N, C-alpha and C. Protein backbone atom coordinates (compact mmCIF):
# COMPACT_ATOMS: atom_id res chain seq x y z
N MET A 1 -20.76 -25.43 4.95
CA MET A 1 -20.47 -23.98 5.16
C MET A 1 -19.16 -23.82 5.80
N VAL A 2 -18.15 -22.89 5.38
CA VAL A 2 -16.96 -22.53 5.74
C VAL A 2 -16.98 -21.73 7.14
N SER A 3 -16.40 -22.25 8.34
CA SER A 3 -16.01 -21.29 9.56
C SER A 3 -15.42 -20.24 9.32
N GLU A 4 -15.50 -19.41 10.16
CA GLU A 4 -14.80 -18.48 10.30
C GLU A 4 -13.25 -18.45 10.42
N ASP A 5 -12.77 -19.26 11.19
CA ASP A 5 -11.39 -19.82 11.40
C ASP A 5 -11.04 -20.53 9.97
N GLN A 6 -11.80 -21.30 9.37
CA GLN A 6 -11.33 -21.75 7.97
C GLN A 6 -11.13 -20.47 6.96
N ARG A 7 -11.93 -19.64 6.97
CA ARG A 7 -12.08 -18.46 5.96
C ARG A 7 -10.78 -17.84 6.38
N LEU A 8 -10.40 -17.45 7.68
CA LEU A 8 -8.96 -16.72 8.05
C LEU A 8 -8.03 -17.59 7.57
N PHE A 9 -7.93 -18.91 7.90
CA PHE A 9 -6.78 -19.63 7.13
C PHE A 9 -6.62 -19.61 6.01
N ILE A 10 -7.81 -19.87 4.96
CA ILE A 10 -7.67 -19.89 3.46
C ILE A 10 -7.37 -18.53 3.46
N LEU A 11 -7.57 -17.24 3.72
CA LEU A 11 -7.09 -15.93 3.43
C LEU A 11 -5.87 -15.71 3.83
N LYS A 12 -5.18 -16.26 5.03
CA LYS A 12 -3.66 -16.23 5.23
C LYS A 12 -3.15 -16.73 4.04
N GLN A 13 -3.29 -17.99 3.64
CA GLN A 13 -2.29 -18.79 2.49
C GLN A 13 -2.57 -17.66 1.53
N THR A 14 -3.64 -17.39 1.06
CA THR A 14 -3.85 -16.46 -0.45
C THR A 14 -2.99 -15.19 -0.10
N ILE A 15 -2.87 -14.50 0.92
CA ILE A 15 -2.20 -13.18 1.19
C ILE A 15 -0.65 -13.32 0.90
N MET A 16 -0.36 -14.78 1.12
CA MET A 16 1.11 -15.11 1.01
C MET A 16 1.71 -15.25 -0.16
N ARG A 17 0.84 -15.29 -1.39
CA ARG A 17 1.25 -15.77 -2.73
C ARG A 17 0.19 -14.83 -3.76
N ILE A 18 -0.09 -13.72 -3.04
CA ILE A 18 -1.02 -12.85 -4.23
C ILE A 18 -0.26 -12.35 -5.48
N LEU A 19 -0.90 -12.34 -6.45
CA LEU A 19 -0.67 -11.62 -7.73
C LEU A 19 -1.98 -11.69 -8.58
N PHE A 20 -2.07 -10.55 -8.58
CA PHE A 20 -3.45 -9.89 -9.34
C PHE A 20 -2.93 -9.06 -10.51
N GLU A 21 -3.74 -9.03 -11.55
CA GLU A 21 -3.75 -8.36 -12.91
C GLU A 21 -4.60 -7.49 -12.97
N THR A 22 -4.50 -6.35 -13.62
CA THR A 22 -5.29 -5.39 -14.35
C THR A 22 -5.11 -5.40 -15.61
N GLU A 23 -5.87 -4.26 -16.34
CA GLU A 23 -5.59 -4.02 -17.76
C GLU A 23 -4.13 -3.78 -18.11
N ARG A 24 -3.41 -3.37 -17.17
CA ARG A 24 -1.89 -2.72 -17.71
C ARG A 24 -1.15 -3.15 -16.63
N LEU A 25 -1.50 -3.48 -15.45
CA LEU A 25 -0.58 -3.76 -14.20
C LEU A 25 -0.78 -5.33 -13.76
N VAL A 26 0.32 -5.54 -12.77
CA VAL A 26 0.36 -6.74 -12.11
C VAL A 26 0.68 -6.10 -10.34
N LEU A 27 -0.15 -6.39 -9.82
CA LEU A 27 0.38 -6.42 -8.06
C LEU A 27 0.58 -7.46 -7.66
N LYS A 28 1.58 -7.75 -6.81
CA LYS A 28 2.40 -8.72 -6.41
C LYS A 28 3.04 -8.33 -4.92
N THR A 29 2.75 -9.66 -4.12
CA THR A 29 3.34 -9.51 -2.65
C THR A 29 4.78 -9.75 -2.79
N LEU A 30 5.77 -9.44 -2.45
CA LEU A 30 7.22 -9.97 -2.40
C LEU A 30 7.66 -9.77 -1.23
N ASN A 31 8.83 -11.15 -1.07
CA ASN A 31 9.26 -11.61 -0.17
C ASN A 31 11.13 -10.96 -0.46
N SER A 32 11.94 -11.43 0.72
CA SER A 32 13.19 -10.83 0.85
C SER A 32 13.94 -11.32 -0.40
N GLU A 33 13.22 -12.38 -1.30
CA GLU A 33 14.42 -12.17 -2.50
C GLU A 33 14.42 -11.25 -3.57
N TYR A 34 13.40 -10.27 -3.39
CA TYR A 34 13.33 -8.99 -4.22
C TYR A 34 13.95 -8.07 -3.30
N THR A 35 14.90 -8.08 -2.59
CA THR A 35 15.50 -7.12 -2.01
C THR A 35 16.05 -6.11 -2.97
N GLU A 36 17.13 -6.28 -3.82
CA GLU A 36 17.61 -5.70 -4.96
C GLU A 36 16.60 -5.00 -5.61
N THR A 37 15.67 -5.33 -5.68
CA THR A 37 14.81 -4.57 -6.83
C THR A 37 13.91 -3.56 -5.90
N VAL A 38 13.41 -4.02 -4.81
CA VAL A 38 12.77 -2.78 -3.81
C VAL A 38 14.08 -1.64 -3.68
N GLN A 39 15.47 -2.14 -3.05
CA GLN A 39 16.18 -1.26 -2.91
C GLN A 39 16.72 -0.15 -4.01
N SER A 40 16.51 -0.64 -5.58
CA SER A 40 16.77 0.31 -6.53
C SER A 40 15.49 0.87 -6.48
N TYR A 41 14.23 0.73 -6.70
CA TYR A 41 13.17 1.49 -6.54
C TYR A 41 13.17 2.65 -5.48
N LEU A 42 13.57 2.35 -4.29
CA LEU A 42 13.30 3.30 -3.31
C LEU A 42 14.70 4.15 -3.37
N ALA A 43 15.61 4.02 -3.90
CA ALA A 43 16.93 4.73 -4.27
C ALA A 43 16.77 5.53 -5.28
N LYS A 44 16.25 5.13 -6.21
CA LYS A 44 15.99 6.03 -7.70
C LYS A 44 14.90 6.88 -7.26
N ASN A 45 13.99 6.96 -6.34
CA ASN A 45 12.79 7.68 -6.05
C ASN A 45 13.06 8.52 -4.90
N GLU A 46 14.09 8.25 -4.11
CA GLU A 46 14.37 9.02 -2.85
C GLU A 46 13.78 10.50 -2.65
N GLN A 47 14.50 11.19 -3.44
CA GLN A 47 13.87 12.74 -3.46
C GLN A 47 12.74 13.17 -3.73
N PHE A 48 12.06 12.20 -4.70
CA PHE A 48 10.93 12.38 -5.47
C PHE A 48 9.76 12.00 -4.15
N PHE A 49 9.90 10.96 -3.13
CA PHE A 49 9.39 10.47 -2.45
C PHE A 49 9.43 11.41 -1.10
N LYS A 50 10.46 11.89 -0.91
CA LYS A 50 11.01 12.80 0.39
C LYS A 50 9.81 13.69 1.08
N PRO A 51 9.09 14.52 0.10
CA PRO A 51 7.99 15.37 0.88
C PRO A 51 6.98 15.04 1.54
N TYR A 52 6.58 13.54 0.84
CA TYR A 52 5.89 12.94 1.52
C TYR A 52 5.76 11.76 2.51
N MET A 53 7.06 11.38 2.95
CA MET A 53 7.26 10.42 3.56
C MET A 53 7.96 10.76 4.98
N PRO A 54 8.01 10.07 5.86
CA PRO A 54 8.64 10.27 7.41
C PRO A 54 10.16 10.41 6.69
N THR A 55 10.72 10.89 7.67
CA THR A 55 12.39 10.90 7.30
C THR A 55 13.00 9.45 7.25
N TRP A 56 13.87 9.14 6.38
CA TRP A 56 14.47 7.66 6.27
C TRP A 56 15.57 7.92 7.48
N SER A 57 16.08 6.62 7.89
CA SER A 57 17.35 6.83 8.84
C SER A 57 18.33 6.60 7.67
N GLU A 58 19.69 6.95 8.58
CA GLU A 58 20.77 7.23 7.13
C GLU A 58 21.42 5.62 6.85
N ASN A 59 20.79 4.51 7.15
CA ASN A 59 21.04 3.14 6.45
C ASN A 59 19.93 2.72 6.16
N PHE A 60 18.82 3.64 5.82
CA PHE A 60 17.46 3.03 5.52
C PHE A 60 17.52 2.05 4.07
N LEU A 61 18.36 2.61 3.06
CA LEU A 61 18.42 1.96 2.00
C LEU A 61 19.63 0.99 1.59
N ASN A 62 20.27 0.64 2.98
CA ASN A 62 21.18 -0.58 2.90
C ASN A 62 20.65 -1.80 2.44
N PHE A 63 20.99 -2.92 1.79
CA PHE A 63 20.57 -4.00 1.56
C PHE A 63 19.80 -4.53 3.06
N GLU A 64 20.91 -4.51 3.62
CA GLU A 64 20.59 -5.47 4.99
C GLU A 64 19.08 -5.05 5.32
N ASN A 65 19.27 -3.29 5.55
CA ASN A 65 17.96 -3.02 6.12
C ASN A 65 16.65 -3.38 5.29
N ILE A 66 17.03 -2.94 3.89
CA ILE A 66 15.65 -3.36 2.97
C ILE A 66 15.27 -4.90 3.01
N GLU A 67 16.22 -5.65 3.23
CA GLU A 67 15.99 -7.03 3.45
C GLU A 67 14.95 -7.02 4.73
N LYS A 68 15.63 -6.33 5.72
CA LYS A 68 14.70 -6.71 7.18
C LYS A 68 13.41 -6.35 6.97
N VAL A 69 13.02 -5.11 5.97
CA VAL A 69 11.88 -4.33 5.94
C VAL A 69 10.94 -5.23 5.43
N LEU A 70 11.79 -6.09 4.34
CA LEU A 70 10.40 -7.07 3.43
C LEU A 70 10.09 -8.32 4.27
N GLN A 71 11.54 -8.87 5.30
CA GLN A 71 11.23 -9.96 6.30
C GLN A 71 9.91 -9.61 7.02
N GLU A 72 9.82 -8.06 7.44
CA GLU A 72 8.74 -7.73 8.58
C GLU A 72 7.60 -7.87 7.79
N GLN A 73 7.49 -7.10 6.76
CA GLN A 73 6.24 -7.04 5.64
C GLN A 73 5.65 -8.75 5.60
N TRP A 74 6.34 -9.67 5.48
CA TRP A 74 5.85 -10.84 5.32
C TRP A 74 5.65 -11.53 6.43
N PHE A 75 6.06 -11.12 7.80
CA PHE A 75 5.76 -11.73 8.69
C PHE A 75 4.43 -11.05 8.81
N LYS A 76 4.17 -9.57 8.86
CA LYS A 76 2.93 -8.97 9.36
C LYS A 76 1.68 -9.55 8.54
N MET A 77 2.08 -9.73 7.12
CA MET A 77 1.18 -10.03 6.33
C MET A 77 1.05 -11.85 6.62
N HIS A 78 1.64 -12.55 7.08
CA HIS A 78 1.67 -13.74 7.57
C HIS A 78 0.43 -13.70 8.76
N LYS A 79 0.52 -12.63 9.62
CA LYS A 79 -0.14 -12.29 10.64
C LYS A 79 -1.62 -11.76 10.73
N LYS A 80 -1.61 -11.60 9.02
CA LYS A 80 -2.95 -10.76 8.71
C LYS A 80 -2.96 -9.36 9.45
N GLN A 81 -2.08 -8.87 9.76
CA GLN A 81 -1.77 -7.58 10.16
C GLN A 81 -1.78 -6.42 9.15
N MET A 82 -1.30 -6.68 8.04
CA MET A 82 -1.29 -5.65 6.90
C MET A 82 -0.84 -6.69 5.82
N LEU A 83 -1.16 -5.77 4.54
CA LEU A 83 -1.06 -6.43 3.15
C LEU A 83 0.01 -5.54 2.55
N HIS A 84 0.74 -5.91 2.05
CA HIS A 84 1.83 -4.94 0.70
C HIS A 84 1.82 -5.40 -0.43
N PHE A 85 1.49 -4.51 -1.33
CA PHE A 85 1.49 -4.58 -2.88
C PHE A 85 2.35 -4.09 -3.48
N TYR A 86 3.34 -4.40 -4.46
CA TYR A 86 4.20 -3.95 -5.36
C TYR A 86 3.39 -3.90 -6.63
N ILE A 87 3.71 -2.95 -7.44
CA ILE A 87 3.11 -2.21 -8.60
C ILE A 87 4.32 -2.79 -9.89
N PHE A 88 4.15 -3.37 -10.92
CA PHE A 88 4.74 -3.87 -11.99
C PHE A 88 3.94 -3.69 -13.34
N ASP A 89 4.57 -3.27 -14.26
CA ASP A 89 3.86 -3.57 -15.70
C ASP A 89 3.61 -4.66 -15.93
N ILE A 90 2.45 -5.24 -16.67
CA ILE A 90 1.90 -6.33 -16.99
C ILE A 90 2.89 -7.01 -17.80
N ARG A 91 3.81 -6.09 -18.51
CA ARG A 91 4.58 -6.80 -19.51
C ARG A 91 5.96 -7.22 -18.89
N ASP A 92 6.05 -6.78 -17.48
CA ASP A 92 7.36 -7.07 -17.14
C ASP A 92 7.17 -8.51 -16.11
N ARG A 93 7.27 -9.66 -16.97
CA ARG A 93 7.08 -10.85 -16.22
C ARG A 93 8.14 -11.31 -15.38
N ALA A 94 9.45 -10.42 -15.31
CA ALA A 94 10.46 -10.80 -14.42
C ALA A 94 10.64 -10.17 -13.19
N PHE A 95 9.45 -9.27 -13.06
CA PHE A 95 9.48 -8.30 -12.23
C PHE A 95 10.47 -7.66 -11.70
N GLN A 96 11.16 -6.94 -12.46
CA GLN A 96 12.72 -5.94 -12.27
C GLN A 96 12.07 -4.41 -12.02
N GLN A 97 11.10 -3.99 -12.24
CA GLN A 97 11.25 -2.65 -12.49
C GLN A 97 9.86 -2.13 -11.54
N ILE A 98 9.87 -2.04 -10.37
CA ILE A 98 8.75 -1.19 -9.54
C ILE A 98 8.04 -0.19 -9.92
N LEU A 99 7.11 -0.10 -10.46
CA LEU A 99 6.28 1.40 -10.61
C LEU A 99 5.67 1.95 -9.37
N GLY A 100 5.44 1.19 -8.38
CA GLY A 100 4.82 1.90 -7.08
C GLY A 100 4.72 0.92 -6.16
N ASP A 101 3.82 1.13 -5.03
CA ASP A 101 3.40 0.08 -3.92
C ASP A 101 2.49 0.27 -3.26
N ILE A 102 1.43 -0.11 -2.52
CA ILE A 102 0.25 -0.12 -1.53
C ILE A 102 0.47 -1.02 -0.50
N THR A 103 0.17 -0.18 0.60
CA THR A 103 0.08 -0.62 1.68
C THR A 103 -1.10 -0.82 2.64
N PHE A 104 -1.81 -1.53 3.13
CA PHE A 104 -2.69 -1.70 3.75
C PHE A 104 -2.56 -1.82 5.37
N SER A 105 -2.26 -1.08 6.45
CA SER A 105 -1.84 -1.34 7.71
C SER A 105 -2.68 -1.62 8.85
N ASN A 106 -2.12 -2.00 9.99
CA ASN A 106 -3.06 -1.89 11.09
C ASN A 106 -4.90 -2.30 10.81
N ILE A 107 -4.46 -3.52 9.92
CA ILE A 107 -5.61 -4.52 9.82
C ILE A 107 -6.41 -4.92 10.83
N VAL A 108 -7.45 -4.63 11.45
CA VAL A 108 -7.98 -5.08 12.54
C VAL A 108 -9.58 -5.71 12.04
N PHE A 109 -9.74 -6.97 12.62
CA PHE A 109 -10.82 -7.87 12.25
C PHE A 109 -11.82 -7.67 13.46
N GLY A 110 -12.78 -8.47 13.69
CA GLY A 110 -13.68 -8.52 14.67
C GLY A 110 -14.62 -7.54 14.43
N ALA A 111 -15.16 -6.64 15.11
CA ALA A 111 -16.20 -5.73 14.83
C ALA A 111 -15.70 -4.47 14.46
N PHE A 112 -14.46 -4.14 14.36
CA PHE A 112 -13.85 -2.88 13.64
C PHE A 112 -13.84 -3.09 12.17
N GLN A 113 -13.14 -4.45 11.86
CA GLN A 113 -12.94 -4.62 10.23
C GLN A 113 -12.61 -3.38 9.36
N SER A 114 -11.34 -2.95 9.80
CA SER A 114 -10.88 -1.69 9.00
C SER A 114 -9.22 -1.62 8.81
N CYS A 115 -8.87 -0.74 8.04
CA CYS A 115 -7.38 -0.65 7.87
C CYS A 115 -7.44 0.54 7.65
N PHE A 116 -5.78 0.91 7.42
CA PHE A 116 -5.39 2.11 6.80
C PHE A 116 -4.43 2.09 5.22
N LEU A 117 -4.95 2.84 4.55
CA LEU A 117 -4.36 2.68 3.14
C LEU A 117 -2.93 3.77 2.86
N GLY A 118 -2.06 3.38 2.43
CA GLY A 118 -1.11 3.95 1.82
C GLY A 118 -0.24 3.38 0.50
N TYR A 119 -0.04 4.65 -0.29
CA TYR A 119 0.33 4.11 -1.72
C TYR A 119 1.50 5.42 -2.38
N LYS A 120 1.80 4.89 -3.23
CA LYS A 120 2.82 6.22 -4.10
C LYS A 120 3.60 5.30 -5.11
N THR A 121 3.96 5.86 -6.19
CA THR A 121 4.00 5.63 -7.65
C THR A 121 5.76 6.16 -7.81
N ASN A 122 6.27 5.56 -8.83
CA ASN A 122 7.80 6.45 -8.98
C ASN A 122 7.24 7.48 -9.90
N GLU A 123 8.28 8.38 -9.94
CA GLU A 123 7.92 9.56 -10.52
C GLU A 123 7.76 9.50 -12.04
N LYS A 124 8.44 8.54 -12.61
CA LYS A 124 7.80 7.97 -13.89
C LYS A 124 6.62 7.79 -14.49
N SER A 125 5.74 7.08 -13.24
CA SER A 125 4.78 6.55 -13.40
C SER A 125 3.50 7.55 -13.00
N CYS A 126 3.70 8.82 -12.51
CA CYS A 126 2.67 9.88 -12.10
C CYS A 126 2.04 10.36 -13.31
N ASP A 127 0.61 10.90 -13.22
CA ASP A 127 -0.08 11.37 -13.84
C ASP A 127 -0.51 10.25 -15.18
N LYS A 128 -0.46 9.14 -15.04
CA LYS A 128 -0.86 7.78 -16.28
C LYS A 128 -1.93 7.09 -15.47
N GLY A 129 -2.61 7.52 -14.52
CA GLY A 129 -3.60 6.58 -14.19
C GLY A 129 -3.31 5.41 -13.28
N ILE A 130 -1.95 4.88 -13.18
CA ILE A 130 -1.72 3.79 -12.78
C ILE A 130 -1.80 3.71 -11.22
N ALA A 131 -1.62 4.63 -10.28
CA ALA A 131 -2.23 4.36 -8.79
C ALA A 131 -3.64 4.20 -8.94
N THR A 132 -4.33 4.91 -9.50
CA THR A 132 -5.78 4.61 -9.43
C THR A 132 -6.41 3.50 -9.95
N GLU A 133 -5.61 2.56 -10.72
CA GLU A 133 -6.04 1.55 -11.23
C GLU A 133 -5.41 0.50 -10.38
N ALA A 134 -4.34 0.50 -9.84
CA ALA A 134 -3.74 -0.34 -8.79
C ALA A 134 -4.30 -0.33 -7.50
N VAL A 135 -4.77 0.82 -7.02
CA VAL A 135 -5.47 0.87 -5.82
C VAL A 135 -7.06 0.80 -5.94
N GLY A 136 -7.42 0.93 -6.90
CA GLY A 136 -8.76 0.34 -7.04
C GLY A 136 -9.06 -1.34 -6.84
N LYS A 137 -7.93 -1.86 -7.49
CA LYS A 137 -7.84 -3.46 -7.67
C LYS A 137 -7.71 -4.08 -6.24
N ALA A 138 -6.78 -3.11 -5.57
CA ALA A 138 -6.48 -3.82 -4.41
C ALA A 138 -7.46 -3.42 -3.35
N CYS A 139 -8.10 -2.37 -3.15
CA CYS A 139 -9.20 -2.07 -2.32
C CYS A 139 -10.42 -3.22 -2.76
N GLN A 140 -10.48 -3.65 -3.86
CA GLN A 140 -11.48 -4.42 -4.26
C GLN A 140 -11.26 -6.13 -3.26
N PHE A 141 -9.99 -6.33 -3.24
CA PHE A 141 -9.43 -7.50 -2.81
C PHE A 141 -9.95 -7.43 -1.37
N VAL A 142 -9.57 -6.33 -0.69
CA VAL A 142 -9.54 -5.87 0.65
C VAL A 142 -10.89 -6.51 1.25
N PHE A 143 -11.95 -5.52 0.22
CA PHE A 143 -13.55 -5.89 0.70
C PHE A 143 -14.01 -6.84 0.28
N GLU A 144 -13.81 -7.85 -0.74
CA GLU A 144 -14.20 -9.07 -1.32
C GLU A 144 -13.55 -10.21 -0.77
N ASP A 145 -12.42 -10.23 -0.46
CA ASP A 145 -11.78 -11.34 0.01
C ASP A 145 -11.58 -11.13 1.52
N MET A 146 -11.03 -10.24 2.02
CA MET A 146 -10.61 -10.11 3.50
C MET A 146 -11.91 -9.69 4.07
N ASN A 147 -12.98 -9.32 3.40
CA ASN A 147 -14.10 -8.62 4.28
C ASN A 147 -14.26 -7.55 5.31
N LEU A 148 -13.27 -6.76 4.75
CA LEU A 148 -13.28 -5.60 5.55
C LEU A 148 -14.27 -4.49 5.32
N ASN A 149 -14.74 -3.75 6.04
CA ASN A 149 -16.04 -2.97 6.31
C ASN A 149 -15.36 -1.34 5.74
N ARG A 150 -14.12 -1.07 6.25
CA ARG A 150 -13.60 0.24 6.12
C ARG A 150 -12.09 0.56 5.88
N ILE A 151 -11.95 1.20 4.75
CA ILE A 151 -10.61 1.51 4.35
C ILE A 151 -10.61 3.14 4.55
N GLU A 152 -9.54 3.62 5.44
CA GLU A 152 -8.90 5.02 5.77
C GLU A 152 -7.68 5.53 5.01
N ALA A 153 -7.75 6.68 4.62
CA ALA A 153 -6.38 7.06 3.69
C ALA A 153 -6.20 8.44 4.24
N ASN A 154 -5.32 8.82 4.69
CA ASN A 154 -4.91 10.22 5.21
C ASN A 154 -3.91 10.97 4.23
N ILE A 155 -4.20 12.15 3.79
CA ILE A 155 -3.63 12.54 2.87
C ILE A 155 -3.29 14.43 2.81
N MET A 156 -1.70 14.48 2.95
CA MET A 156 -1.73 15.88 3.42
C MET A 156 -2.33 17.15 2.24
N PRO A 157 -3.09 17.89 2.82
CA PRO A 157 -3.73 18.89 2.03
C PRO A 157 -3.13 19.30 0.49
N GLN A 158 -1.89 19.49 0.76
CA GLN A 158 -1.08 19.73 -0.61
C GLN A 158 -0.79 18.80 -1.53
N ASN A 159 -1.13 17.63 -1.26
CA ASN A 159 -0.94 16.50 -2.13
C ASN A 159 -1.87 16.23 -2.84
N LEU A 160 -2.42 17.08 -3.93
CA LEU A 160 -3.68 16.96 -4.74
C LEU A 160 -3.44 15.50 -5.70
N ALA A 161 -2.63 15.41 -6.02
CA ALA A 161 -2.36 14.04 -6.57
C ALA A 161 -3.11 12.77 -5.92
N SER A 162 -2.76 12.82 -4.75
CA SER A 162 -3.24 11.44 -4.18
C SER A 162 -5.19 11.75 -3.89
N GLN A 163 -5.19 12.85 -3.52
CA GLN A 163 -6.45 13.52 -3.22
C GLN A 163 -7.23 12.87 -4.45
N LYS A 164 -6.80 13.21 -5.71
CA LYS A 164 -7.59 12.75 -6.87
C LYS A 164 -7.98 11.31 -6.99
N VAL A 165 -6.62 10.57 -6.61
CA VAL A 165 -6.85 8.99 -6.85
C VAL A 165 -7.99 8.55 -5.96
N VAL A 166 -7.92 8.95 -4.45
CA VAL A 166 -9.02 8.40 -3.59
C VAL A 166 -10.42 9.19 -3.90
N GLU A 167 -10.29 10.16 -4.51
CA GLU A 167 -11.84 10.58 -4.89
C GLU A 167 -12.37 10.07 -5.79
N LYS A 168 -11.55 9.68 -7.13
CA LYS A 168 -11.67 8.93 -8.11
C LYS A 168 -12.44 7.54 -7.98
N LEU A 169 -11.80 6.91 -6.91
CA LEU A 169 -12.33 5.50 -6.34
C LEU A 169 -13.56 5.78 -5.32
N GLY A 170 -13.90 7.04 -5.14
CA GLY A 170 -15.16 6.95 -4.31
C GLY A 170 -15.05 7.19 -2.65
N PHE A 171 -13.71 7.38 -2.41
CA PHE A 171 -13.55 7.79 -1.06
C PHE A 171 -14.10 9.17 -0.54
N ILE A 172 -14.99 9.45 0.80
CA ILE A 172 -15.41 10.19 0.95
C ILE A 172 -14.58 11.05 2.12
N ARG A 173 -13.99 12.64 2.05
CA ARG A 173 -13.37 13.34 2.82
C ARG A 173 -13.93 13.37 4.42
N GLU A 174 -13.69 13.01 5.06
CA GLU A 174 -14.45 13.05 6.62
C GLU A 174 -14.07 14.14 7.36
N GLY A 175 -13.01 14.68 7.17
CA GLY A 175 -12.36 15.95 8.10
C GLY A 175 -10.88 16.25 8.04
N LEU A 176 -10.65 17.04 9.03
CA LEU A 176 -8.97 17.18 8.93
C LEU A 176 -8.39 16.85 10.18
N SER A 177 -7.06 16.16 10.47
CA SER A 177 -6.13 15.80 11.39
C SER A 177 -5.19 16.49 11.51
N LEU A 178 -5.30 17.37 12.53
CA LEU A 178 -4.17 18.34 12.75
C LEU A 178 -2.71 17.77 13.20
N LYS A 179 -1.75 18.00 12.24
CA LYS A 179 -0.56 17.35 12.95
C LYS A 179 -0.63 16.07 13.05
N TYR A 180 -1.19 15.25 12.21
CA TYR A 180 -1.32 13.89 12.11
C TYR A 180 0.01 13.02 12.18
N LEU A 181 0.87 13.36 10.98
CA LEU A 181 1.92 12.57 11.09
C LEU A 181 3.08 13.45 10.73
N LYS A 182 4.41 12.96 11.17
CA LYS A 182 5.47 13.97 11.19
C LYS A 182 6.17 13.37 9.82
N ILE A 183 6.12 14.12 8.94
CA ILE A 183 6.43 14.02 7.30
C ILE A 183 7.72 14.80 6.75
N ASN A 184 8.72 13.90 6.54
CA ASN A 184 10.09 14.84 6.26
C ASN A 184 10.09 15.89 7.40
N GLY A 185 10.40 15.35 8.70
CA GLY A 185 11.01 16.22 9.95
C GLY A 185 9.99 17.18 10.35
N LYS A 186 8.68 17.52 9.50
CA LYS A 186 7.55 18.24 10.34
C LYS A 186 6.35 17.75 10.55
N TRP A 187 5.52 18.06 11.55
CA TRP A 187 4.18 17.57 11.74
C TRP A 187 3.18 18.50 10.57
N GLU A 188 2.69 17.36 10.24
CA GLU A 188 1.86 17.97 9.12
C GLU A 188 0.09 17.58 8.96
N ASP A 189 -0.72 18.58 8.70
CA ASP A 189 -1.99 18.11 9.03
C ASP A 189 -2.20 16.97 7.57
N HIS A 190 -3.32 16.54 8.06
CA HIS A 190 -4.16 15.33 6.94
C HIS A 190 -5.38 15.46 6.81
N TYR A 191 -5.98 15.44 5.42
CA TYR A 191 -7.49 15.25 5.41
C TYR A 191 -7.62 13.55 5.48
N ARG A 192 -8.84 13.36 6.13
CA ARG A 192 -8.84 12.00 6.41
C ARG A 192 -9.79 11.49 5.59
N TYR A 193 -9.62 10.40 4.69
CA TYR A 193 -10.70 9.94 3.87
C TYR A 193 -11.05 8.59 4.26
N ALA A 194 -12.03 8.21 3.75
CA ALA A 194 -12.72 6.72 4.07
C ALA A 194 -13.52 6.17 3.26
N LEU A 195 -13.68 4.96 2.80
CA LEU A 195 -14.05 4.18 2.08
C LEU A 195 -14.85 2.87 2.61
N ILE A 196 -16.15 2.95 2.40
CA ILE A 196 -16.79 2.02 2.96
C ILE A 196 -17.23 0.79 2.04
N ASN A 197 -17.21 -0.52 2.68
CA ASN A 197 -17.87 -1.66 1.88
C ASN A 197 -18.92 -1.62 1.67
N GLY A 198 -19.44 -1.41 0.42
CA GLY A 198 -20.98 -1.57 0.02
C GLY A 198 -21.53 -0.56 0.32
């Protein structure tokens, strides 16, 4: 029988080389070797993402900063504190064009076994079911392989597209958190959604 320490060690090794496939997509963890790819994805979609994101610093899109962000993501994944997938078309075997990304942050084990979910897709990938397909696969991994009990997603009331994604996946709206996050320079209310394992 595998002990809890052995299970977490195996999980850590798995997280550092994750690549999942769905019918149309590949979900992949990226290291700093993909800095230019991530930089291009964010730069092309800066204005599209802006209404739903915290304000980026002036140098956020600089190569050195994106490289640092990816290194920090990799470090936190190694520590099992977060999980970050980038979404690609299944035909893009060179992983050159990012369609979106998914983050599971503030991962806590023990009695809590919970995390927070965030996701976005590029402008061209909207309304094609890509977010639903990718987030569904990622949540399956978090529940089945990481053995977490709860995934929480917080979404602004005006972000109807994101609400549809989580509702299709079975997330339940638990309430409204007032002035929950500072988005694009303004404190925004967020609906609190949760998905429970089992």
